[in-house]
């Protein structure tokens, strides 16, 4: 598997910076809450700072979980592309995997039946039917 085929398992650098800043602010809110409750005996201000710290950590955790789910669900799978080669003389048809440099009306290898040059007639992506969905007749 190449790097393009494998899903990314890490976070972007911007996401890491946002997480570090949010984590730092949440921890600072907890320190302010402790300071307000212990040193100044201000219960209301301490409660607000504690609430801000809890909300920050909760939102941070939710954001990380959602980002990880989205990263895993957005993995890109390589599509299978097929090339149809057709003999103009005898009508022999051959299917093969797409190769770099293929284009429609390009001359291909010789026909196994009549030894004439064959031509690429079509190039298409093979569509996989999704599992679990049934077609209604």
C-alpha atoms as a PDB file:
ATOM      1  CA  UNK A   1       0.000   0.000   0.000  1.00  0.00           C
ATOM      2  CA  UNK A   2       1.316   3.425  -0.864  1.00  0.00           C
ATOM      3  CA  UNK A   3       0.889   6.545   1.227  1.00  0.00           C
ATOM      4  CA  UNK A   4      -2.003   7.691  -0.984  1.00  0.00           C
ATOM      5  CA  UNK A   5      -3.881   4.439  -0.394  1.00  0.00           C
ATOM      6  CA  UNK A   6      -3.612   4.329   3.393  1.00  0.00           C
ATOM      7  CA  UNK A   7      -5.867   6.518   5.522  1.00  0.00           C
ATOM      8  CA  UNK A   8      -4.130   9.180   7.570  1.00  0.00           C
ATOM      9  CA  UNK A   9      -3.893   8.129  11.186  1.00  0.00           C
ATOM     10  CA  UNK A  10      -2.654  11.412  12.650  1.00  0.00           C
ATOM     11  CA  UNK A  11      -3.983  14.858  13.277  1.00  0.00           C
ATOM     12  CA  UNK A  12      -2.974  17.979  11.409  1.00  0.00           C
ATOM     13  CA  UNK A  13      -0.525  20.389  13.013  1.00  0.00           C
ATOM     14  CA  UNK A  14      -3.228  23.049  13.320  1.00  0.00           C
ATOM     15  CA  UNK A  15      -5.434  20.594  15.208  1.00  0.00           C
ATOM     16  CA  UNK A  16      -2.595  19.797  17.600  1.00  0.00           C
ATOM     17  CA  UNK A  17      -2.013  23.518  18.265  1.00  0.00           C
ATOM     18  CA  UNK A  18      -5.734  24.067  18.945  1.00  0.00           C
ATOM     19  CA  UNK A  19      -5.785  21.096  21.340  1.00  0.00           C
ATOM     20  CA  UNK A  20      -2.714  22.319  23.241  1.00  0.00           C
ATOM     21  CA  UNK A  21      -4.081  25.874  23.563  1.00  0.00           C
ATOM     22  CA  UNK A  22      -7.537  24.643  24.677  1.00  0.00           C
ATOM     23  CA  UNK A  23      -5.968  22.233  27.165  1.00  0.00           C
ATOM     24  CA  UNK A  24      -3.770  25.022  28.556  1.00  0.00           C
ATOM     25  CA  UNK A  25      -6.771  27.344  28.956  1.00  0.00           C
ATOM     26  CA  UNK A  26      -8.794  24.629  30.707  1.00  0.00           C
ATOM     27  CA  UNK A  27      -5.953  23.886  33.129  1.00  0.00           C
ATOM     28  CA  UNK A  28      -5.518  27.623  33.788  1.00  0.00           C
ATOM     29  CA  UNK A  29      -9.251  27.863  34.554  1.00  0.00           C
ATOM     30  CA  UNK A  30      -8.873  25.061  37.117  1.00  0.00           C
ATOM     31  CA  UNK A  31      -5.955  26.894  38.762  1.00  0.00           C
ATOM     32  CA  UNK A  32      -7.987  30.120  38.924  1.00  0.00           C
ATOM     33  CA  UNK A  33     -10.875  28.137  40.414  1.00  0.00           C
ATOM     34  CA  UNK A  34      -8.593  26.657  43.069  1.00  0.00           C
ATOM     35  CA  UNK A  35      -7.140  30.099  43.801  1.00  0.00           C
ATOM     36  CA  UNK A  36     -10.594  31.650  44.105  1.00  0.00           C
ATOM     37  CA  UNK A  37     -11.903  28.893  46.365  1.00  0.00           C
ATOM     38  CA  UNK A  38      -8.852  28.476  48.637  1.00  0.00           C
ATOM     39  CA  UNK A  39      -7.173  31.895  48.848  1.00  0.00           C
ATOM     40  CA  UNK A  40      -9.928  34.459  48.368  1.00  0.00           C
ATOM     41  CA  UNK A  41     -12.836  32.285  49.619  1.00  0.00           C
ATOM     42  CA  UNK A  42     -14.958  33.476  46.654  1.00  0.00           C
ATOM     43  CA  UNK A  43     -17.227  30.499  45.950  1.00  0.00           C
ATOM     44  CA  UNK A  44     -19.099  32.048  43.013  1.00  0.00           C
ATOM     45  CA  UNK A  45     -15.964  33.033  41.087  1.00  0.00           C
ATOM     46  CA  UNK A  46     -14.353  29.669  41.881  1.00  0.00           C
ATOM     47  CA  UNK A  47     -17.439  27.827  40.655  1.00  0.00           C
ATOM     48  CA  UNK A  48     -17.445  29.771  37.386  1.00  0.00           C
ATOM     49  CA  UNK A  49     -13.785  29.027  36.716  1.00  0.00           C
ATOM     50  CA  UNK A  50     -14.299  25.331  37.549  1.00  0.00           C
ATOM     51  CA  UNK A  51     -17.300  25.231  35.202  1.00  0.00           C
ATOM     52  CA  UNK A  52     -15.254  26.855  32.430  1.00  0.00           C
ATOM     53  CA  UNK A  53     -12.474  24.294  32.946  1.00  0.00           C
ATOM     54  CA  UNK A  54     -14.902  21.351  32.861  1.00  0.00           C
ATOM     55  CA  UNK A  55     -16.664  22.673  29.758  1.00  0.00           C
ATOM     56  CA  UNK A  56     -13.312  23.207  28.038  1.00  0.00           C
ATOM     57  CA  UNK A  57     -12.129  19.670  28.728  1.00  0.00           C
ATOM     58  CA  UNK A  58     -15.517  18.229  27.704  1.00  0.00           C
ATOM     59  CA  UNK A  59     -15.578  20.111  24.402  1.00  0.00           C
ATOM     60  CA  UNK A  60     -11.937  19.223  23.770  1.00  0.00           C
ATOM     61  CA  UNK A  61     -12.639  15.525  24.300  1.00  0.00           C
ATOM     62  CA  UNK A  62     -15.725  15.672  22.068  1.00  0.00           C
ATOM     63  CA  UNK A  63     -13.779  17.458  19.334  1.00  0.00           C
ATOM     64  CA  UNK A  64     -10.981  14.887  19.407  1.00  0.00           C
ATOM     65  CA  UNK A  65     -13.425  11.958  19.251  1.00  0.00           C
ATOM     66  CA  UNK A  66     -15.371  13.481  16.352  1.00  0.00           C
ATOM     67  CA  UNK A  67     -12.200  14.360  14.445  1.00  0.00           C
ATOM     68  CA  UNK A  68     -10.882  10.821  14.830  1.00  0.00           C
ATOM     69  CA  UNK A  69     -14.166   9.307  13.607  1.00  0.00           C
ATOM     70  CA  UNK A  70     -14.195  11.620  10.602  1.00  0.00           C
ATOM     71  CA  UNK A  71     -10.578  10.814   9.755  1.00  0.00           C
ATOM     72  CA  UNK A  72     -11.302   7.101   9.742  1.00  0.00           C
ATOM     73  CA  UNK A  73     -14.497   7.428   7.681  1.00  0.00           C
ATOM     74  CA  UNK A  74     -12.880   9.572   4.981  1.00  0.00           C
ATOM     75  CA  UNK A  75     -10.359   6.995   3.860  1.00  0.00           C
ATOM     76  CA  UNK A  76     -10.083   6.975   0.089  1.00  0.00           C
ATOM     77  CA  UNK A  77      -9.943   3.661  -1.665  1.00  0.00           C
ATOM     78  CA  UNK A  78      -8.376   3.293  -5.087  1.00  0.00           C
ATOM     79  CA  UNK A  79     -10.940   2.649  -7.792  1.00  0.00           C
ATOM     80  CA  UNK A  80     -10.431  -0.167 -10.248  1.00  0.00           C
ATOM     81  CA  UNK A  81     -10.223   1.105 -13.820  1.00  0.00           C
ATOM     82  CA  UNK A  82     -10.599  -1.279 -16.760  1.00  0.00           C
ATOM     83  CA  UNK A  83      -9.689  -0.953 -20.429  1.00  0.00           C
ATOM     84  CA  UNK A  84     -11.657  -2.617 -23.227  1.00  0.00           C
ATOM     85  CA  UNK A  85      -9.600  -3.574 -26.276  1.00  0.00           C
ATOM     86  CA  UNK A  86     -11.517  -4.400 -29.460  1.00  0.00           C
ATOM     87  CA  UNK A  87     -10.440  -5.909 -32.772  1.00  0.00           C
ATOM     88  CA  UNK A  88     -12.026  -3.969 -35.643  1.00  0.00           C
ATOM     89  CA  UNK A  89     -11.709  -6.865 -38.064  1.00  0.00           C
ATOM     90  CA  UNK A  90     -13.082  -9.913 -36.215  1.00  0.00           C
ATOM     91  CA  UNK A  91     -14.823  -8.256 -33.239  1.00  0.00           C
ATOM     92  CA  UNK A  92     -12.685  -9.993 -30.565  1.00  0.00           C
ATOM     93  CA  UNK A  93     -13.040  -8.163 -27.254  1.00  0.00           C
ATOM     94  CA  UNK A  94     -10.495  -8.202 -24.427  1.00  0.00           C
ATOM     95  CA  UNK A  95     -10.756  -6.641 -20.937  1.00  0.00           C
ATOM     96  CA  UNK A  96      -7.665  -5.755 -18.923  1.00  0.00           C
ATOM     97  CA  UNK A  97      -6.626  -3.446 -16.110  1.00  0.00           C
ATOM     98  CA  UNK A  98      -5.900   0.155 -17.035  1.00  0.00           C
ATOM     99  CA  UNK A  99      -2.261   0.905 -17.717  1.00  0.00           C
ATOM    100  CA  UNK A 100      -0.595   4.298 -17.646  1.00  0.00           C
ATOM    101  CA  UNK A 101      -0.658   5.799 -21.129  1.00  0.00           C
ATOM    102  CA  UNK A 102      -3.913   4.162 -22.243  1.00  0.00           C
ATOM    103  CA  UNK A 103      -6.312   6.327 -24.221  1.00  0.00           C
ATOM    104  CA  UNK A 104      -9.268   5.650 -26.487  1.00  0.00           C
ATOM    105  CA  UNK A 105      -8.411   4.784 -30.123  1.00  0.00           C
ATOM    106  CA  UNK A 106      -4.845   3.880 -29.167  1.00  0.00           C
ATOM    107  CA  UNK A 107      -3.480   0.866 -31.022  1.00  0.00           C
ATOM    108  CA  UNK A 108      -2.852  -2.072 -28.723  1.00  0.00           C
ATOM    109  CA  UNK A 109      -1.376  -5.549 -29.047  1.00  0.00           C
ATOM    110  CA  UNK A 110      -2.258  -7.906 -31.884  1.00  0.00           C
ATOM    111  CA  UNK A 111      -5.495  -9.879 -31.991  1.00  0.00           C
ATOM    112  CA  UNK A 112      -5.082 -13.530 -30.936  1.00  0.00           C
ATOM    113  CA  UNK A 113      -7.617 -14.642 -33.586  1.00  0.00           C
ATOM    114  CA  UNK A 114      -6.702 -12.718 -36.737  1.00  0.00           C
ATOM    115  CA  UNK A 115      -3.320 -11.119 -35.832  1.00  0.00           C
ATOM    116  CA  UNK A 116      -4.560  -7.613 -36.708  1.00  0.00           C
ATOM    117  CA  UNK A 117      -3.806  -4.646 -34.464  1.00  0.00           C
ATOM    118  CA  UNK A 118      -6.469  -4.119 -31.801  1.00  0.00           C
ATOM    119  CA  UNK A 119      -7.668  -0.712 -30.586  1.00  0.00           C
ATOM    120  CA  UNK A 120      -8.685   0.568 -27.154  1.00  0.00           C
ATOM    121  CA  UNK A 121     -12.446   1.057 -27.375  1.00  0.00           C
ATOM    122  CA  UNK A 122     -13.288   2.237 -23.858  1.00  0.00           C
ATOM    123  CA  UNK A 123     -11.845   3.025 -20.442  1.00  0.00           C
ATOM    124  CA  UNK A 124     -14.138   2.938 -17.439  1.00  0.00           C
ATOM    125  CA  UNK A 125     -14.230   2.671 -13.690  1.00  0.00           C
ATOM    126  CA  UNK A 126     -15.771  -0.496 -12.289  1.00  0.00           C
ATOM    127  CA  UNK A 127     -18.550   0.409  -9.850  1.00  0.00           C
ATOM    128  CA  UNK A 128     -18.915  -1.734  -6.753  1.00  0.00           C
ATOM    129  CA  UNK A 129     -22.425  -2.156  -5.438  1.00  0.00           C
ATOM    130  CA  UNK A 130     -22.757  -1.179  -1.802  1.00  0.00           C
ATOM    131  CA  UNK A 131     -23.541  -3.948   0.640  1.00  0.00           C
ATOM    132  CA  UNK A 132     -26.741  -3.802   2.644  1.00  0.00           C
ATOM    133  CA  UNK A 133     -28.826  -1.904   0.107  1.00  0.00           C
ATOM    134  CA  UNK A 134     -31.327  -3.926  -1.846  1.00  0.00           C
ATOM    135  CA  UNK A 135     -32.829  -2.801  -5.109  1.00  0.00           C
ATOM    136  CA  UNK A 136     -36.590  -2.757  -5.376  1.00  0.00           C
ATOM    137  CA  UNK A 137     -37.945  -4.526  -8.434  1.00  0.00           C
END
